[in-house]
Amino acid sequence: MVEHKRSGVGVDDRTLTGVFSALADPTRRAIVRRLASGEATVSELSEPFDMSFQAVSKHVQVLEHAGLVTRSRRAQERPCRLRPEAMAPASAWLGDYHQLWESSFGRLDEHLNNQKEPRS
C-alpha cells in the first residue's frame, strides 16, 4: 500500500483508485451530481437514463463500494445518499497538484501574451 501525505492528509492508493475508478464513468458522475442535491431511490436515479433499473443499480453499487454513496432503509425504499466526505482523499490528492497547475497556466498565459506583442 502506498500512502501520499504531501497535503498533510494521508491518502492510500486503494482509496484513490476506488474513488477515481468510480468517478471515471459518466453515468456514475451524473448520479453523484444528482445525489448532491439530495437523496434519491435507484428508481428515481434511473429516470433520466436510457438503461435498465438493474444497470443503474449496478452503477450505484460501484459508487457504494467506493464509499461515495450509502443506502438506508425507509419502509420499502432504500434511498441513496451521497457521502461527500468520501471525496476528501481525491480532493486532497488533486490539491497537491493545484500549485503546479496554477504555475503552468501562469507560464502559458505569459507565453501567449508575449506572442501577441508585435515584434520590432
C-alpha atoms as a PDB file:
ATOM      1  CA  MET A   1       0.000   0.000   0.000  1.00  0.00           C
ATOM      2  CA  VAL A   2       1.314   3.412  -0.990  1.00  0.00           C
ATOM      3  CA  GLU A   3       0.278   6.401   1.066  1.00  0.00           C
ATOM      4  CA  HIS A   4       0.515  10.022  -0.065  1.00  0.00           C
ATOM      5  CA  LYS A   5       0.945  12.778   2.525  1.00  0.00           C
ATOM      6  CA  ARG A   6       2.009  15.933   0.662  1.00  0.00           C
ATOM      7  CA  SER A   7      -1.094  17.835   1.740  1.00  0.00           C
ATOM      8  CA  GLY A   8      -0.850  16.533   5.292  1.00  0.00           C
ATOM      9  CA  VAL A   9      -3.777  14.184   4.633  1.00  0.00           C
ATOM     10  CA  GLY A  10      -2.878  10.503   4.454  1.00  0.00           C
ATOM     11  CA  VAL A  11      -4.317   9.032   1.271  1.00  0.00           C
ATOM     12  CA  ASP A  12      -3.721   5.416   0.308  1.00  0.00           C
ATOM     13  CA  ASP A  13      -3.651   4.255  -3.311  1.00  0.00           C
ATOM     14  CA  ARG A  14      -6.527   1.799  -2.905  1.00  0.00           C
ATOM     15  CA  THR A  15      -8.833   4.580  -1.731  1.00  0.00           C
ATOM     16  CA  LEU A  16      -7.786   6.868  -4.584  1.00  0.00           C
ATOM     17  CA  THR A  17      -8.127   4.105  -7.144  1.00  0.00           C
ATOM     18  CA  GLY A  18     -11.604   3.241  -5.886  1.00  0.00           C
ATOM     19  CA  VAL A  19     -12.824   6.836  -5.950  1.00  0.00           C
ATOM     20  CA  PHE A  20     -11.271   7.716  -9.309  1.00  0.00           C
ATOM     21  CA  SER A  21     -12.444   4.443 -10.878  1.00  0.00           C
ATOM     22  CA  ALA A  22     -15.977   5.019  -9.654  1.00  0.00           C
ATOM     23  CA  LEU A  23     -15.965   8.588 -10.970  1.00  0.00           C
ATOM     24  CA  ALA A  24     -14.421   7.615 -14.320  1.00  0.00           C
ATOM     25  CA  ASP A  25     -17.812   6.654 -15.714  1.00  0.00           C
ATOM     26  CA  PRO A  26     -20.081   9.499 -16.937  1.00  0.00           C
ATOM     27  CA  THR A  27     -23.234   7.750 -15.691  1.00  0.00           C
ATOM     28  CA  ARG A  28     -21.807   7.488 -12.194  1.00  0.00           C
ATOM     29  CA  ARG A  29     -20.706  11.139 -12.282  1.00  0.00           C
ATOM     30  CA  ALA A  30     -24.272  12.071 -13.277  1.00  0.00           C
ATOM     31  CA  ILE A  31     -25.600  10.017 -10.348  1.00  0.00           C
ATOM     32  CA  VAL A  32     -23.198  11.801  -7.982  1.00  0.00           C
ATOM     33  CA  ARG A  33     -24.346  15.176  -9.385  1.00  0.00           C
ATOM     34  CA  ARG A  34     -27.973  14.195  -8.808  1.00  0.00           C
ATOM     35  CA  LEU A  35     -27.310  12.976  -5.271  1.00  0.00           C
ATOM     36  CA  ALA A  36     -25.506  16.233  -4.475  1.00  0.00           C
ATOM     37  CA  SER A  37     -28.962  17.844  -4.486  1.00  0.00           C
ATOM     38  CA  GLY A  38     -30.447  15.273  -2.108  1.00  0.00           C
ATOM     39  CA  GLU A  39     -31.163  11.616  -1.546  1.00  0.00           C
ATOM     40  CA  ALA A  40     -32.966   9.526  -4.164  1.00  0.00           C
ATOM     41  CA  THR A  41     -34.002   5.945  -4.737  1.00  0.00           C
ATOM     42  CA  VAL A  42     -32.449   3.900  -7.525  1.00  0.00           C
ATOM     43  CA  SER A  43     -35.781   4.161  -9.323  1.00  0.00           C
ATOM     44  CA  GLU A  44     -35.593   7.964  -9.189  1.00  0.00           C
ATOM     45  CA  LEU A  45     -31.937   7.895 -10.222  1.00  0.00           C
ATOM     46  CA  SER A  46     -32.725   5.722 -13.239  1.00  0.00           C
ATOM     47  CA  GLU A  47     -35.344   8.109 -14.694  1.00  0.00           C
ATOM     48  CA  PRO A  48     -33.053  10.264 -16.869  1.00  0.00           C
ATOM     49  CA  PHE A  49     -31.055   7.321 -18.240  1.00  0.00           C
ATOM     50  CA  ASP A  50     -31.811   5.135 -21.213  1.00  0.00           C
ATOM     51  CA  MET A  51     -30.827   1.980 -19.349  1.00  0.00           C
ATOM     52  CA  SER A  52     -32.458  -0.603 -17.159  1.00  0.00           C
ATOM     53  CA  PHE A  53     -33.098  -0.249 -13.460  1.00  0.00           C
ATOM     54  CA  GLN A  54     -30.609  -3.097 -12.924  1.00  0.00           C
ATOM     55  CA  ALA A  55     -27.879  -1.254 -14.855  1.00  0.00           C
ATOM     56  CA  VAL A  56     -28.356   1.896 -12.763  1.00  0.00           C
ATOM     57  CA  SER A  57     -28.404  -0.239  -9.625  1.00  0.00           C
ATOM     58  CA  LYS A  58     -25.011  -1.683 -10.603  1.00  0.00           C
ATOM     59  CA  HIS A  59     -23.633   1.835 -11.065  1.00  0.00           C
ATOM     60  CA  VAL A  60     -24.902   2.738  -7.595  1.00  0.00           C
ATOM     61  CA  GLN A  61     -23.243  -0.388  -6.204  1.00  0.00           C
ATOM     62  CA  VAL A  62     -19.900   0.711  -7.670  1.00  0.00           C
ATOM     63  CA  LEU A  63     -20.323   4.131  -6.034  1.00  0.00           C
ATOM     64  CA  GLU A  64     -21.311   2.434  -2.791  1.00  0.00           C
ATOM     65  CA  HIS A  65     -18.280   0.113  -2.897  1.00  0.00           C
ATOM     66  CA  ALA A  66     -16.027   3.173  -3.386  1.00  0.00           C
ATOM     67  CA  GLY A  67     -17.646   4.715  -0.289  1.00  0.00           C
ATOM     68  CA  LEU A  68     -19.158   7.617  -2.222  1.00  0.00           C
ATOM     69  CA  VAL A  69     -22.777   6.579  -1.683  1.00  0.00           C
ATOM     70  CA  THR A  70     -24.627   4.974   1.174  1.00  0.00           C
ATOM     71  CA  ARG A  71     -28.102   3.463   1.259  1.00  0.00           C
ATOM     72  CA  SER A  72     -30.525   3.396   4.140  1.00  0.00           C
ATOM     73  CA  ARG A  73     -33.855   1.681   4.618  1.00  0.00           C
ATOM     74  CA  ARG A  74     -37.087   3.655   4.832  1.00  0.00           C
ATOM     75  CA  ALA A  75     -40.160   1.411   4.761  1.00  0.00           C
ATOM     76  CA  GLN A  76     -39.981  -0.338   1.363  1.00  0.00           C
ATOM     77  CA  GLU A  77     -37.497   2.153  -0.070  1.00  0.00           C
ATOM     78  CA  ARG A  78     -33.699   2.179   0.049  1.00  0.00           C
ATOM     79  CA  PRO A  79     -32.765   5.806  -0.607  1.00  0.00           C
ATOM     80  CA  CYS A  80     -29.217   6.579  -1.717  1.00  0.00           C
ATOM     81  CA  ARG A  81     -27.297   9.407  -0.139  1.00  0.00           C
ATOM     82  CA  LEU A  82     -24.026  10.983  -1.235  1.00  0.00           C
ATOM     83  CA  ARG A  83     -21.103  10.819   1.212  1.00  0.00           C
ATOM     84  CA  PRO A  84     -19.177  13.972   0.238  1.00  0.00           C
ATOM     85  CA  GLU A  85     -16.520  13.285   2.870  1.00  0.00           C
ATOM     86  CA  ALA A  86     -15.531  10.211   0.851  1.00  0.00           C
ATOM     87  CA  MET A  87     -14.252  12.538  -1.869  1.00  0.00           C
ATOM     88  CA  ALA A  88     -11.796  14.165   0.547  1.00  0.00           C
ATOM     89  CA  PRO A  89      -8.881  11.837  -0.337  1.00  0.00           C
ATOM     90  CA  ALA A  90      -9.256  12.568  -4.051  1.00  0.00           C
ATOM     91  CA  SER A  91      -9.637  16.267  -3.352  1.00  0.00           C
ATOM     92  CA  ALA A  92      -6.507  16.254  -1.183  1.00  0.00           C
ATOM     93  CA  TRP A  93      -4.548  14.390  -3.831  1.00  0.00           C
ATOM     94  CA  LEU A  94      -5.644  16.803  -6.560  1.00  0.00           C
ATOM     95  CA  GLY A  95      -4.983  19.741  -4.248  1.00  0.00           C
ATOM     96  CA  ASP A  96      -1.348  18.707  -4.005  1.00  0.00           C
ATOM     97  CA  TYR A  97      -1.005  19.496  -7.709  1.00  0.00           C
ATOM     98  CA  HIS A  98      -3.016  22.717  -7.692  1.00  0.00           C
ATOM     99  CA  GLN A  99       0.058  24.939  -7.296  1.00  0.00           C
ATOM    100  CA  LEU A 100       1.819  23.123 -10.131  1.00  0.00           C
ATOM    101  CA  TRP A 101      -1.147  23.636 -12.454  1.00  0.00           C
ATOM    102  CA  GLU A 102      -1.532  27.272 -11.476  1.00  0.00           C
ATOM    103  CA  SER A 103       2.153  27.862 -12.149  1.00  0.00           C
ATOM    104  CA  SER A 104       1.950  26.095 -15.524  1.00  0.00           C
ATOM    105  CA  PHE A 105      -1.125  28.090 -16.536  1.00  0.00           C
ATOM    106  CA  GLY A 106       0.611  31.289 -15.455  1.00  0.00           C
ATOM    107  CA  ARG A 107       3.620  30.493 -17.645  1.00  0.00           C
ATOM    108  CA  LEU A 108       1.351  29.591 -20.571  1.00  0.00           C
ATOM    109  CA  ASP A 109      -0.566  32.851 -20.151  1.00  0.00           C
ATOM    110  CA  GLU A 110       2.699  34.795 -20.086  1.00  0.00           C
ATOM    111  CA  HIS A 111       3.918  32.977 -23.195  1.00  0.00           C
ATOM    112  CA  LEU A 112       0.691  33.654 -25.091  1.00  0.00           C
ATOM    113  CA  ASN A 113       0.747  37.324 -24.103  1.00  0.00           C
ATOM    114  CA  ASN A 114       4.321  37.588 -25.375  1.00  0.00           C
ATOM    115  CA  GLN A 115       3.241  36.054 -28.681  1.00  0.00           C
ATOM    116  CA  LYS A 116       0.577  38.761 -29.115  1.00  0.00           C
ATOM    117  CA  GLU A 117       3.043  41.625 -28.723  1.00  0.00           C
ATOM    118  CA  PRO A 118       4.297  42.990 -32.062  1.00  0.00           C
ATOM    119  CA  ARG A 119       7.896  42.182 -32.805  1.00  0.00           C
ATOM    120  CA  SER A 120      10.196  45.053 -33.724  1.00  0.00           C
END
